[in-house]
C-alpha atoms as a PDB file:
ATOM      1  CA  MET A   1      17.301  13.712   3.868  1.00  0.00           C
ATOM      2  CA  LYS A   2      14.670  14.122   1.582  1.00  0.00           C
ATOM      3  CA  ILE A   3      11.040  12.983   1.788  1.00  0.00           C
ATOM      4  CA  SER A   4       9.127  11.622  -1.213  1.00  0.00           C
ATOM      5  CA  LYS A   5       5.488  12.297  -1.645  1.00  0.00           C
ATOM      6  CA  ILE A   6       3.183   9.225  -1.457  1.00  0.00           C
ATOM      7  CA  VAL A   7       4.046   6.910  -4.353  1.00  0.00           C
ATOM      8  CA  ALA A   8       2.330   3.829  -5.972  1.00  0.00           C
ATOM      9  CA  THR A   9       5.690   1.782  -5.609  1.00  0.00           C
ATOM     10  CA  LEU A  10       9.422   2.268  -4.935  1.00  0.00           C
ATOM     11  CA  PRO A  11      10.742   3.799  -8.012  1.00  0.00           C
ATOM     12  CA  GLY A  12      13.391   1.719  -9.994  1.00  0.00           C
ATOM     13  CA  THR A  13      16.251   3.961  -9.353  1.00  0.00           C
ATOM     14  CA  LEU A  14      16.258   5.173  -5.664  1.00  0.00           C
ATOM     15  CA  ASP A  15      17.475   8.502  -4.386  1.00  0.00           C
ATOM     16  CA  ALA A  16      20.093   8.562  -1.712  1.00  0.00           C
ATOM     17  CA  ASP A  17      19.074   9.477   1.778  1.00  0.00           C
ATOM     18  CA  THR A  18      15.337   9.439   1.114  1.00  0.00           C
ATOM     19  CA  VAL A  19      12.096   8.372   2.975  1.00  0.00           C
ATOM     20  CA  TYR A  20       9.562   6.912   0.527  1.00  0.00           C
ATOM     21  CA  LEU A  21       5.836   6.944   1.440  1.00  0.00           C
ATOM     22  CA  VAL A  22       4.318   4.029  -0.501  1.00  0.00           C
ATOM     23  CA  ARG A  23       0.668   3.781  -0.804  1.00  0.00           C
ATOM     24  CA  VAL A  24      -0.883   0.525   0.440  1.00  0.00           C
ATOM     25  CA  ASP A  25      -4.705   0.511   0.514  1.00  0.00           C
ATOM     26  CA  THR A  26      -5.865   3.495   2.485  1.00  0.00           C
ATOM     27  CA  GLY A  27      -2.548   3.834   4.234  1.00  0.00           C
ATOM     28  CA  PHE A  28       1.022   3.721   3.344  1.00  0.00           C
ATOM     29  CA  ASP A  29       4.320   1.808   4.048  1.00  0.00           C
ATOM     30  CA  ILE A  30       7.517   3.707   5.033  1.00  0.00           C
ATOM     31  CA  PHE A  31      11.008   3.016   3.449  1.00  0.00           C
ATOM     32  CA  ALA A  32      14.273   4.787   3.881  1.00  0.00           C
ATOM     33  CA  THR A  33      17.325   4.731   1.548  1.00  0.00           C
ATOM     34  CA  ASP A  34      20.861   4.306   2.369  1.00  0.00           C
ATOM     35  CA  ASN A  35      23.135   7.082   1.591  1.00  0.00           C
ATOM     36  CA  THR A  36      24.294   5.535  -1.768  1.00  0.00           C
ATOM     37  CA  GLY A  37      20.445   5.093  -2.769  1.00  0.00           C
ATOM     38  CA  THR A  38      21.135   1.177  -3.757  1.00  0.00           C
ATOM     39  CA  VAL A  39      19.026  -0.168  -0.637  1.00  0.00           C
ATOM     40  CA  ALA A  40      15.461   0.778   0.581  1.00  0.00           C
ATOM     41  CA  TYR A  41      14.785  -0.414   4.287  1.00  0.00           C
ATOM     42  CA  ALA A  42      11.317  -1.201   5.389  1.00  0.00           C
ATOM     43  CA  HIS A  43       9.979   0.707   8.458  1.00  0.00           C
ATOM     44  CA  ASN A  44      10.072  -1.862  11.287  1.00  0.00           C
ATOM     45  CA  ALA A  45       6.287  -2.096  11.737  1.00  0.00           C
ATOM     46  CA  VAL A  46       3.272  -4.601  11.707  1.00  0.00           C
ATOM     47  CA  LEU A  47       2.483  -4.711   8.029  1.00  0.00           C
ATOM     48  CA  SER A  48      -0.882  -6.131   7.559  1.00  0.00           C
ATOM     49  CA  LYS A  49      -2.180  -6.298   3.996  1.00  0.00           C
ATOM     50  CA  VAL A  50      -5.646  -7.760   3.663  1.00  0.00           C
ATOM     51  CA  SER A  51      -6.623  -6.516   0.387  1.00  0.00           C
ATOM     52  CA  GLY A  52      -8.580  -9.145  -1.644  1.00  0.00           C
ATOM     53  CA  ILE A  53      -8.801 -11.576   1.285  1.00  0.00           C
ATOM     54  CA  THR A  54     -12.583 -12.071   2.295  1.00  0.00           C
ATOM     55  CA  GLY A  55     -13.233 -11.786   5.939  1.00  0.00           C
ATOM     56  CA  ALA A  56      -9.634 -10.588   6.902  1.00  0.00           C
ATOM     57  CA  THR A  57      -8.785  -8.091   9.607  1.00  0.00           C
ATOM     58  CA  LYS A  58      -6.131  -5.907   9.686  1.00  0.00           C
ATOM     59  CA  VAL A  59      -3.449  -6.776  12.493  1.00  0.00           C
ATOM     60  CA  SER A  60      -2.062  -3.331  13.953  1.00  0.00           C
ATOM     61  CA  ASN A  61      -0.632  -4.912  17.169  1.00  0.00           C
ATOM     62  CA  ILE A  62       1.347  -8.054  18.205  1.00  0.00           C
ATOM     63  CA  VAL A  63       1.691  -8.729  21.792  1.00  0.00           C
ATOM     64  CA  GLY A  64       3.262 -11.733  24.155  1.00  0.00           C
ATOM     65  CA  ILE A  65       0.568 -12.570  26.868  1.00  0.00           C
ATOM     66  CA  SER A  66       0.081 -15.424  29.455  1.00  0.00           C
ATOM     67  CA  GLN A  67      -2.979 -17.654  29.029  1.00  0.00           C
ATOM     68  CA  ALA A  68      -4.566 -16.327  32.283  1.00  0.00           C
ATOM     69  CA  ALA A  69      -4.119 -12.811  31.289  1.00  0.00           C
ATOM     70  CA  TYR A  70      -5.595 -13.613  27.974  1.00  0.00           C
ATOM     71  CA  ASP A  71      -8.525 -15.376  29.535  1.00  0.00           C
ATOM     72  CA  ALA A  72      -9.196 -12.288  31.883  1.00  0.00           C
ATOM     73  CA  LEU A  73      -9.256  -9.922  28.677  1.00  0.00           C
ATOM     74  CA  GLY A  74     -12.899 -10.600  28.250  1.00  0.00           C
ATOM     75  CA  ALA A  75     -13.205  -9.270  24.733  1.00  0.00           C
ATOM     76  CA  PRO A  76      -9.936  -9.378  22.922  1.00  0.00           C
ATOM     77  CA  ASP A  77      -8.991  -6.650  20.448  1.00  0.00           C
ATOM     78  CA  PRO A  78      -9.670  -7.976  16.829  1.00  0.00           C
ATOM     79  CA  GLY A  79      -6.796  -5.717  15.424  1.00  0.00           C
ATOM     80  CA  THR A  80      -4.348  -7.488  17.849  1.00  0.00           C
ATOM     81  CA  LEU A  81      -2.374 -10.800  17.250  1.00  0.00           C
ATOM     82  CA  TYR A  82      -1.921 -12.512  20.833  1.00  0.00           C
ATOM     83  CA  LEU A  83       1.071 -14.886  21.574  1.00  0.00           C
ATOM     84  CA  ILE A  84       0.482 -16.991  24.460  1.00  0.00           C
ATOM     85  CA  THR A  85       3.779 -17.103  26.271  1.00  0.00           C
ATOM     86  CA  ASP A  86       3.232 -19.974  28.615  1.00  0.00           C
END
């Protein structure tokens, strides 16, 4: 397994069995290629791209929660997307 340094974009020709760190704003997205280097799979994470969107907030967490539990939170986390489940 090879790990590539942070790059601006995935290269046109991928290396096999490689993890790529692709720069996004002040962070990075993670991609891993298969053993042939023909497919790059994205890391299963919340990807929140707010660049260029005035007033947008990054979402770093997604939770399912009941309405009663949500109401009891007091101050919801602005970086969490709450899905009411009932």
